[in-house]
Amino acid sequence: VYLRVAEEWGLDRAALERRRGKGAKVALEDLDAEGVTDVRELLGFYADELKATDQAAEAERVLRLAARPVAHFLMAVPEREQTDPSISTE
């Protein structure tokens, strides 16, 4: 899951951490190489649809986000759970 970081909206890393559910077993991390590729691809598809519906200015704004995805997005990844050795079956 990719999360938009927008300090002007009050959505910085700390705010996104606070909004995460107490029971959520995810960590917020910087985009890795796969995340960068995914975000660029998704935003590219979105920009294409915006252009197709005569929303060129909005498409350009989206493409500016896609140009620097690490600056504008974080990813939520499942936390790795350590197996309790007392219940391990090996």
PDB file of N, CA and C in Angstrom:
ATOM      1  N   VAL A   1       0.858  -1.166   0.000  1.00  0.00           N
ATOM      2  CA  VAL A   1       0.000   0.000   0.000  1.00  0.00           C
ATOM      3  C   VAL A   1       0.902   1.226   0.000  1.00  0.00           C
ATOM      4  N   TYR A   2       0.567   2.188  -0.838  1.00  0.00           N
ATOM      5  CA  TYR A   2       1.357   3.410  -0.939  1.00  0.00           C
ATOM      6  C   TYR A   2       0.567   4.566  -0.343  1.00  0.00           C
ATOM      7  N   LEU A   3       1.245   5.384   0.432  1.00  0.00           N
ATOM      8  CA  LEU A   3       0.616   6.500   1.132  1.00  0.00           C
ATOM      9  C   LEU A   3       1.220   7.808   0.658  1.00  0.00           C
ATOM     10  N   ARG A   4       0.374   8.773   0.386  1.00  0.00           N
ATOM     11  CA  ARG A   4       0.827  10.091  -0.075  1.00  0.00           C
ATOM     12  C   ARG A   4       1.305  10.900   1.110  1.00  0.00           C
ATOM     13  N   VAL A   5       2.492  11.458   0.980  1.00  0.00           N
ATOM     14  CA  VAL A   5       3.032  12.380   1.968  1.00  0.00           C
ATOM     15  C   VAL A   5       2.809  13.784   1.417  1.00  0.00           C
ATOM     16  N   ALA A   6       2.117  14.626   2.184  1.00  0.00           N
ATOM     17  CA  ALA A   6       1.840  15.995   1.747  1.00  0.00           C
ATOM     18  C   ALA A   6       1.845  16.884   2.979  1.00  0.00           C
ATOM     19  N   GLU A   7       3.002  17.452   3.269  1.00  0.00           N
ATOM     20  CA  GLU A   7       3.123  18.272   4.477  1.00  0.00           C
ATOM     21  C   GLU A   7       2.152  19.439   4.475  1.00  0.00           C
ATOM     22  N   GLU A   8       1.851  19.974   3.288  1.00  0.00           N
ATOM     23  CA  GLU A   8       0.918  21.099   3.210  1.00  0.00           C
ATOM     24  C   GLU A   8      -0.490  20.698   3.634  1.00  0.00           C
ATOM     25  N   TRP A   9      -0.784  19.418   3.655  1.00  0.00           N
ATOM     26  CA  TRP A   9      -2.067  18.903   4.132  1.00  0.00           C
ATOM     27  C   TRP A   9      -1.961  18.367   5.549  1.00  0.00           C
ATOM     28  N   GLY A  10      -0.782  18.478   6.151  1.00  0.00           N
ATOM     29  CA  GLY A  10      -0.566  17.918   7.482  1.00  0.00           C
ATOM     30  C   GLY A  10      -0.327  16.418   7.449  1.00  0.00           C
ATOM     31  N   LEU A  11       0.031  15.887   6.288  1.00  0.00           N
ATOM     32  CA  LEU A  11       0.261  14.445   6.146  1.00  0.00           C
ATOM     33  C   LEU A  11       1.751  14.156   5.977  1.00  0.00           C
ATOM     34  N   ASP A  12       2.495  14.366   7.051  1.00  0.00           N
ATOM     35  CA  ASP A  12       3.896  13.980   7.030  1.00  0.00           C
ATOM     36  C   ASP A  12       4.018  12.574   7.611  1.00  0.00           C
ATOM     37  N   ARG A  13       5.226  12.056   7.689  1.00  0.00           N
ATOM     38  CA  ARG A  13       5.428  10.689   8.182  1.00  0.00           C
ATOM     39  C   ARG A  13       4.840  10.526   9.584  1.00  0.00           C
ATOM     40  N   ALA A  14       5.080  11.495  10.459  1.00  0.00           N
ATOM     41  CA  ALA A  14       4.581  11.395  11.838  1.00  0.00           C
ATOM     42  C   ALA A  14       3.053  11.337  11.864  1.00  0.00           C
ATOM     43  N   ALA A  15       2.401  12.141  11.043  1.00  0.00           N
ATOM     44  CA  ALA A  15       0.934  12.135  11.002  1.00  0.00           C
ATOM     45  C   ALA A  15       0.411  10.796  10.492  1.00  0.00           C
ATOM     46  N   LEU A  16       1.060  10.245   9.487  1.00  0.00           N
ATOM     47  CA  LEU A  16       0.631   8.946   8.960  1.00  0.00           C
ATOM     48  C   LEU A  16       0.845   7.847   9.994  1.00  0.00           C
ATOM     49  N   GLU A  17       1.921   7.933  10.762  1.00  0.00           N
ATOM     50  CA  GLU A  17       2.153   6.962  11.846  1.00  0.00           C
ATOM     51  C   GLU A  17       1.032   7.062  12.887  1.00  0.00           C
ATOM     52  N   ARG A  18       0.645   8.296  13.231  1.00  0.00           N
ATOM     53  CA  ARG A  18      -0.418   8.489  14.229  1.00  0.00           C
ATOM     54  C   ARG A  18      -1.758   7.960  13.731  1.00  0.00           C
ATOM     55  N   ARG A  19      -2.004   8.036  12.445  1.00  0.00           N
ATOM     56  CA  ARG A  19      -3.281   7.599  11.875  1.00  0.00           C
ATOM     57  C   ARG A  19      -3.373   6.087  11.700  1.00  0.00           C
ATOM     58  N   ARG A  20      -2.246   5.425  11.805  1.00  0.00           N
ATOM     59  CA  ARG A  20      -2.226   3.966  11.658  1.00  0.00           C
ATOM     60  C   ARG A  20      -2.981   3.351  12.821  1.00  0.00           C
ATOM     61  N   GLY A  21      -3.790   2.365  12.555  1.00  0.00           N
ATOM     62  CA  GLY A  21      -4.565   1.702  13.599  1.00  0.00           C
ATOM     63  C   GLY A  21      -3.670   1.042  14.634  1.00  0.00           C
ATOM     64  N   LYS A  22      -4.121   1.035  15.885  1.00  0.00           N
ATOM     65  CA  LYS A  22      -3.326   0.459  16.964  1.00  0.00           C
ATOM     66  C   LYS A  22      -2.977  -1.004  16.710  1.00  0.00           C
ATOM     67  N   GLY A  23      -3.871  -1.748  16.115  1.00  0.00           N
ATOM     68  CA  GLY A  23      -3.620  -3.160  15.862  1.00  0.00           C
ATOM     69  C   GLY A  23      -2.978  -3.442  14.511  1.00  0.00           C
ATOM     70  N   ALA A  24      -2.698  -2.387  13.756  1.00  0.00           N
ATOM     71  CA  ALA A  24      -2.122  -2.587  12.422  1.00  0.00           C
ATOM     72  C   ALA A  24      -0.733  -3.194  12.537  1.00  0.00           C
ATOM     73  N   LYS A  25      -0.526  -4.247  11.818  1.00  0.00           N
ATOM     74  CA  LYS A  25       0.780  -4.900  11.836  1.00  0.00           C
ATOM     75  C   LYS A  25       1.527  -4.543  10.555  1.00  0.00           C
ATOM     76  N   VAL A  26       1.676  -3.236  10.351  1.00  0.00           N
ATOM     77  CA  VAL A  26       2.413  -2.729   9.195  1.00  0.00           C
ATOM     78  C   VAL A  26       3.422  -1.693   9.667  1.00  0.00           C
ATOM     79  N   ALA A  27       4.467  -1.555   8.886  1.00  0.00           N
ATOM     80  CA  ALA A  27       5.473  -0.529   9.135  1.00  0.00           C
ATOM     81  C   ALA A  27       5.461   0.436   7.957  1.00  0.00           C
ATOM     82  N   LEU A  28       5.670   1.713   8.241  1.00  0.00           N
ATOM     83  CA  LEU A  28       5.794   2.699   7.174  1.00  0.00           C
ATOM     84  C   LEU A  28       7.267   2.794   6.806  1.00  0.00           C
ATOM     85  N   GLU A  29       7.548   2.621   5.530  1.00  0.00           N
ATOM     86  CA  GLU A  29       8.928   2.635   5.052  1.00  0.00           C
ATOM     87  C   GLU A  29       9.041   3.521   3.827  1.00  0.00           C
ATOM     88  N   ASP A  30      10.272   3.965   3.554  1.00  0.00           N
ATOM     89  CA  ASP A  30      10.535   4.679   2.317  1.00  0.00           C
ATOM     90  C   ASP A  30      10.324   3.714   1.152  1.00  0.00           C
ATOM     91  N   LEU A  31      10.007   4.265  -0.002  1.00  0.00           N
ATOM     92  CA  LEU A  31       9.824   3.418  -1.180  1.00  0.00           C
ATOM     93  C   LEU A  31      11.122   2.697  -1.519  1.00  0.00           C
ATOM     94  N   ASP A  32      11.004   1.422  -1.842  1.00  0.00           N
ATOM     95  CA  ASP A  32      12.144   0.689  -2.378  1.00  0.00           C
ATOM     96  C   ASP A  32      12.057   0.772  -3.907  1.00  0.00           C
ATOM     97  N   ALA A  33      12.959   0.099  -4.612  1.00  0.00           N
ATOM     98  CA  ALA A  33      12.983   0.176  -6.079  1.00  0.00           C
ATOM     99  C   ALA A  33      11.662  -0.289  -6.689  1.00  0.00           C
ATOM    100  N   GLU A  34      11.093  -1.362  -6.141  1.00  0.00           N
ATOM    101  CA  GLU A  34       9.813  -1.859  -6.653  1.00  0.00           C
ATOM    102  C   GLU A  34       8.699  -0.847  -6.390  1.00  0.00           C
ATOM    103  N   GLY A  35       8.726  -0.216  -5.222  1.00  0.00           N
ATOM    104  CA  GLY A  35       7.731   0.795  -4.896  1.00  0.00           C
ATOM    105  C   GLY A  35       7.801   1.987  -5.834  1.00  0.00           C
ATOM    106  N   VAL A  36       9.014   2.421  -6.150  1.00  0.00           N
ATOM    107  CA  VAL A  36       9.191   3.530  -7.092  1.00  0.00           C
ATOM    108  C   VAL A  36       8.578   3.165  -8.443  1.00  0.00           C
ATOM    109  N   THR A  37       8.877   1.958  -8.916  1.00  0.00           N
ATOM    110  CA  THR A  37       8.332   1.498 -10.196  1.00  0.00           C
ATOM    111  C   THR A  37       6.807   1.437 -10.150  1.00  0.00           C
ATOM    112  N   ASP A  38       6.264   0.875  -9.072  1.00  0.00           N
ATOM    113  CA  ASP A  38       4.807   0.759  -8.936  1.00  0.00           C
ATOM    114  C   ASP A  38       4.130   2.123  -8.940  1.00  0.00           C
ATOM    115  N   VAL A  39       4.642   3.049  -8.133  1.00  0.00           N
ATOM    116  CA  VAL A  39       4.023   4.374  -8.025  1.00  0.00           C
ATOM    117  C   VAL A  39       4.086   5.096  -9.364  1.00  0.00           C
ATOM    118  N   ARG A  40       5.229   5.031 -10.024  1.00  0.00           N
ATOM    119  CA  ARG A  40       5.336   5.682 -11.336  1.00  0.00           C
ATOM    120  C   ARG A  40       4.348   5.086 -12.334  1.00  0.00           C
ATOM    121  N   GLU A  41       4.220   3.767 -12.323  1.00  0.00           N
ATOM    122  CA  GLU A  41       3.291   3.108 -13.241  1.00  0.00           C
ATOM    123  C   GLU A  41       1.845   3.508 -12.937  1.00  0.00           C
ATOM    124  N   LEU A  42       1.458   3.447 -11.677  1.00  0.00           N
ATOM    125  CA  LEU A  42       0.085   3.794 -11.295  1.00  0.00           C
ATOM    126  C   LEU A  42      -0.236   5.249 -11.625  1.00  0.00           C
ATOM    127  N   LEU A  43       0.683   6.147 -11.299  1.00  0.00           N
ATOM    128  CA  LEU A  43       0.440   7.558 -11.589  1.00  0.00           C
ATOM    129  C   LEU A  43       0.439   7.824 -13.093  1.00  0.00           C
ATOM    130  N   GLY A  44       1.231   7.067 -13.834  1.00  0.00           N
ATOM    131  CA  GLY A  44       1.219   7.203 -15.293  1.00  0.00           C
ATOM    132  C   GLY A  44      -0.131   6.825 -15.877  1.00  0.00           C
ATOM    133  N   PHE A  45      -0.691   5.699 -15.402  1.00  0.00           N
ATOM    134  CA  PHE A  45      -2.027   5.300 -15.855  1.00  0.00           C
ATOM    135  C   PHE A  45      -3.065   6.366 -15.499  1.00  0.00           C
ATOM    136  N   TYR A  46      -2.956   6.896 -14.284  1.00  0.00           N
ATOM    137  CA  TYR A  46      -3.900   7.918 -13.834  1.00  0.00           C
ATOM    138  C   TYR A  46      -3.774   9.171 -14.704  1.00  0.00           C
ATOM    139  N   ALA A  47      -2.548   9.592 -14.976  1.00  0.00           N
ATOM    140  CA  ALA A  47      -2.329  10.774 -15.812  1.00  0.00           C
ATOM    141  C   ALA A  47      -2.906  10.557 -17.213  1.00  0.00           C
ATOM    142  N   ASP A  48      -2.739   9.358 -17.754  1.00  0.00           N
ATOM    143  CA  ASP A  48      -3.309   9.059 -19.075  1.00  0.00           C
ATOM    144  C   ASP A  48      -4.828   9.216 -19.068  1.00  0.00           C
ATOM    145  N   GLU A  49      -5.474   8.730 -18.025  1.00  0.00           N
ATOM    146  CA  GLU A  49      -6.936   8.859 -17.924  1.00  0.00           C
ATOM    147  C   GLU A  49      -7.351  10.320 -17.770  1.00  0.00           C
ATOM    148  N   LEU A  50      -6.575  11.077 -17.003  1.00  0.00           N
ATOM    149  CA  LEU A  50      -6.880  12.501 -16.861  1.00  0.00           C
ATOM    150  C   LEU A  50      -6.772  13.216 -18.206  1.00  0.00           C
ATOM    151  N   LYS A  51      -5.721  12.918 -18.949  1.00  0.00           N
ATOM    152  CA  LYS A  51      -5.558  13.532 -20.273  1.00  0.00           C
ATOM    153  C   LYS A  51      -6.712  13.147 -21.198  1.00  0.00           C
ATOM    154  N   ALA A  52      -7.148  11.897 -21.118  1.00  0.00           N
ATOM    155  CA  ALA A  52      -8.237  11.414 -21.977  1.00  0.00           C
ATOM    156  C   ALA A  52      -9.557  12.106 -21.680  1.00  0.00           C
ATOM    157  N   THR A  53      -9.662  12.704 -20.502  1.00  0.00           N
ATOM    158  CA  THR A  53     -10.893  13.408 -20.125  1.00  0.00           C
ATOM    159  C   THR A  53     -10.658  14.919 -20.034  1.00  0.00           C
ATOM    160  N   ASP A  54      -9.706  15.394 -20.847  1.00  0.00           N
ATOM    161  CA  ASP A  54      -9.420  16.832 -20.970  1.00  0.00           C
ATOM    162  C   ASP A  54      -9.048  17.494 -19.648  1.00  0.00           C
ATOM    163  N   GLN A  55      -8.270  16.799 -18.845  1.00  0.00           N
ATOM    164  CA  GLN A  55      -7.792  17.356 -17.575  1.00  0.00           C
ATOM    165  C   GLN A  55      -6.260  17.421 -17.598  1.00  0.00           C
ATOM    166  N   ALA A  56      -5.732  18.100 -18.609  1.00  0.00           N
ATOM    167  CA  ALA A  56      -4.290  18.146 -18.840  1.00  0.00           C
ATOM    168  C   ALA A  56      -3.525  18.767 -17.676  1.00  0.00           C
ATOM    169  N   ALA A  57      -4.058  19.813 -17.079  1.00  0.00           N
ATOM    170  CA  ALA A  57      -3.352  20.468 -15.967  1.00  0.00           C
ATOM    171  C   ALA A  57      -3.213  19.523 -14.778  1.00  0.00           C
ATOM    172  N   GLU A  58      -4.271  18.804 -14.472  1.00  0.00           N
ATOM    173  CA  GLU A  58      -4.218  17.837 -13.368  1.00  0.00           C
ATOM    174  C   GLU A  58      -3.273  16.691 -13.714  1.00  0.00           C
ATOM    175  N   ALA A  59      -3.271  16.272 -14.964  1.00  0.00           N
ATOM    176  CA  ALA A  59      -2.357  15.212 -15.401  1.00  0.00           C
ATOM    177  C   ALA A  59      -0.907  15.648 -15.214  1.00  0.00           C
ATOM    178  N   GLU A  60      -0.603  16.888 -15.515  1.00  0.00           N
ATOM    179  CA  GLU A  60       0.762  17.398 -15.325  1.00  0.00           C
ATOM    180  C   GLU A  60       1.145  17.406 -13.848  1.00  0.00           C
ATOM    181  N   ARG A  61       0.203  17.761 -12.985  1.00  0.00           N
ATOM    182  CA  ARG A  61       0.472  17.743 -11.543  1.00  0.00           C
ATOM    183  C   ARG A  61       0.790  16.321 -11.085  1.00  0.00           C
ATOM    184  N   VAL A  62       0.028  15.363 -11.561  1.00  0.00           N
ATOM    185  CA  VAL A  62       0.249  13.959 -11.202  1.00  0.00           C
ATOM    186  C   VAL A  62       1.606  13.491 -11.721  1.00  0.00           C
ATOM    187  N   LEU A  63       1.968  13.896 -12.927  1.00  0.00           N
ATOM    188  CA  LEU A  63       3.260  13.493 -13.486  1.00  0.00           C
ATOM    189  C   LEU A  63       4.428  14.111 -12.721  1.00  0.00           C
ATOM    190  N   ARG A  64       4.227  15.297 -12.148  1.00  0.00           N
ATOM    191  CA  ARG A  64       5.280  15.884 -11.296  1.00  0.00           C
ATOM    192  C   ARG A  64       5.485  15.037 -10.047  1.00  0.00           C
ATOM    193  N   LEU A  65       4.399  14.498  -9.487  1.00  0.00           N
ATOM    194  CA  LEU A  65       4.529  13.583  -8.346  1.00  0.00           C
ATOM    195  C   LEU A  65       5.276  12.323  -8.775  1.00  0.00           C
ATOM    196  N   ALA A  66       4.954  11.815  -9.954  1.00  0.00           N
ATOM    197  CA  ALA A  66       5.581  10.590 -10.451  1.00  0.00           C
ATOM    198  C   ALA A  66       7.073  10.779 -10.708  1.00  0.00           C
ATOM    199  N   ALA A  67       7.478  12.001 -10.996  1.00  0.00           N
ATOM    200  CA  ALA A  67       8.890  12.266 -11.272  1.00  0.00           C
ATOM    201  C   ALA A  67       9.755  12.121 -10.020  1.00  0.00           C
ATOM    202  N   ARG A  68       9.159  12.324  -8.847  1.00  0.00           N
ATOM    203  CA  ARG A  68       9.903  12.230  -7.584  1.00  0.00           C
ATOM    204  C   ARG A  68       9.094  11.436  -6.563  1.00  0.00           C
ATOM    205  N   PRO A  69       8.812  10.168  -6.818  1.00  0.00           N
ATOM    206  CA  PRO A  69       7.935   9.401  -5.935  1.00  0.00           C
ATOM    207  C   PRO A  69       8.465   9.237  -4.515  1.00  0.00           C
ATOM    208  N   VAL A  70       9.773   9.151  -4.349  1.00  0.00           N
ATOM    209  CA  VAL A  70      10.339   8.967  -3.006  1.00  0.00           C
ATOM    210  C   VAL A  70      10.043  10.180  -2.125  1.00  0.00           C
ATOM    211  N   ALA A  71       9.932  11.352  -2.730  1.00  0.00           N
ATOM    212  CA  ALA A  71       9.645  12.571  -1.974  1.00  0.00           C
ATOM    213  C   ALA A  71       8.171  12.694  -1.610  1.00  0.00           C
ATOM    214  N   HIS A  72       7.301  11.949  -2.300  1.00  0.00           N
ATOM    215  CA  HIS A  72       5.862  12.144  -2.132  1.00  0.00           C
ATOM    216  C   HIS A  72       5.095  10.942  -1.597  1.00  0.00           C
ATOM    217  N   PHE A  73       5.764   9.803  -1.451  1.00  0.00           N
ATOM    218  CA  PHE A  73       5.060   8.593  -1.029  1.00  0.00           C
ATOM    219  C   PHE A  73       5.885   7.766  -0.050  1.00  0.00           C
ATOM    220  N   LEU A  74       5.169   7.063   0.812  1.00  0.00           N
ATOM    221  CA  LEU A  74       5.735   6.025   1.673  1.00  0.00           C
ATOM    222  C   LEU A  74       5.006   4.740   1.333  1.00  0.00           C
ATOM    223  N   MET A  75       5.539   3.630   1.808  1.00  0.00           N
ATOM    224  CA  MET A  75       4.812   2.376   1.621  1.00  0.00           C
ATOM    225  C   MET A  75       4.554   1.738   2.972  1.00  0.00           C
ATOM    226  N   ALA A  76       3.383   1.137   3.089  1.00  0.00           N
ATOM    227  CA  ALA A  76       3.017   0.380   4.286  1.00  0.00           C
ATOM    228  C   ALA A  76       3.267  -1.086   3.957  1.00  0.00           C
ATOM    229  N   VAL A  77       4.146  -1.704   4.742  1.00  0.00           N
ATOM    230  CA  VAL A  77       4.497  -3.108   4.496  1.00  0.00           C
ATOM    231  C   VAL A  77       4.196  -3.924   5.746  1.00  0.00           C
ATOM    232  N   PRO A  78       3.796  -5.171   5.563  1.00  0.00           N
ATOM    233  CA  PRO A  78       3.524  -6.019   6.735  1.00  0.00           C
ATOM    234  C   PRO A  78       4.780  -6.156   7.589  1.00  0.00           C
ATOM    235  N   GLU A  79       4.585  -6.059   8.901  1.00  0.00           N
ATOM    236  CA  GLU A  79       5.717  -6.268   9.803  1.00  0.00           C
ATOM    237  C   GLU A  79       6.074  -7.744   9.789  1.00  0.00           C
ATOM    238  N   ARG A  80       7.342  -7.999   9.844  1.00  0.00           N
ATOM    239  CA  ARG A  80       7.794  -9.386   9.905  1.00  0.00           C
ATOM    240  C   ARG A  80       7.614  -9.873  11.330  1.00  0.00           C
ATOM    241  N   GLU A  81       6.898 -10.966  11.454  1.00  0.00           N
ATOM    242  CA  GLU A  81       6.659 -11.515  12.788  1.00  0.00           C
ATOM    243  C   GLU A  81       7.716 -12.551  13.112  1.00  0.00           C
ATOM    244  N   GLN A  82       8.275 -12.432  14.275  1.00  0.00           N
ATOM    245  CA  GLN A  82       9.244 -13.407  14.756  1.00  0.00           C
ATOM    246  C   GLN A  82       8.467 -14.591  15.317  1.00  0.00           C
ATOM    247  N   THR A  83       8.785 -15.763  14.858  1.00  0.00           N
ATOM    248  CA  THR A  83       8.115 -16.952  15.372  1.00  0.00           C
ATOM    249  C   THR A  83       8.564 -17.191  16.805  1.00  0.00           C
ATOM    250  N   ASP A  84       7.600 -17.412  17.657  1.00  0.00           N
ATOM    251  CA  ASP A  84       7.898 -17.700  19.062  1.00  0.00           C
ATOM    252  C   ASP A  84       8.549 -19.080  19.134  1.00  0.00           C
ATOM    253  N   PRO A  85       9.801 -19.159  19.603  1.00  0.00           N
ATOM    254  CA  PRO A  85      10.479 -20.460  19.634  1.00  0.00           C
ATOM    255  C   PRO A  85       9.790 -21.481  20.536  1.00  0.00           C
ATOM    256  N   SER A  86       9.003 -21.027  21.483  1.00  0.00           N
ATOM    257  CA  SER A  86       8.336 -21.974  22.381  1.00  0.00           C
ATOM    258  C   SER A  86       7.200 -22.720  21.683  1.00  0.00           C
ATOM    259  N   ILE A  87       6.737 -22.189  20.537  1.00  0.00           N
ATOM    260  CA  ILE A  87       5.655 -22.871  19.819  1.00  0.00           C
ATOM    261  C   ILE A  87       6.097 -23.360  18.447  1.00  0.00           C
ATOM    262  N   SER A  88       7.362 -23.208  18.148  1.00  0.00           N
ATOM    263  CA  SER A  88       7.878 -23.653  16.862  1.00  0.00           C
ATOM    264  C   SER A  88       7.737 -25.161  16.735  1.00  0.00           C
ATOM    265  N   THR A  89       7.404 -25.616  15.537  1.00  0.00           N
ATOM    266  CA  THR A  89       7.209 -27.060  15.325  1.00  0.00           C
ATOM    267  C   THR A  89       8.444 -27.729  14.740  1.00  0.00           C
ATOM    268  N   GLU A  90       9.485 -26.983  14.501  1.00  0.00           N
ATOM    269  CA  GLU A  90      10.696 -27.590  13.927  1.00  0.00           C
ATOM    270  C   GLU A  90      11.582 -28.169  14.991  1.00  0.00           C
TER     271      GLU A  90
END
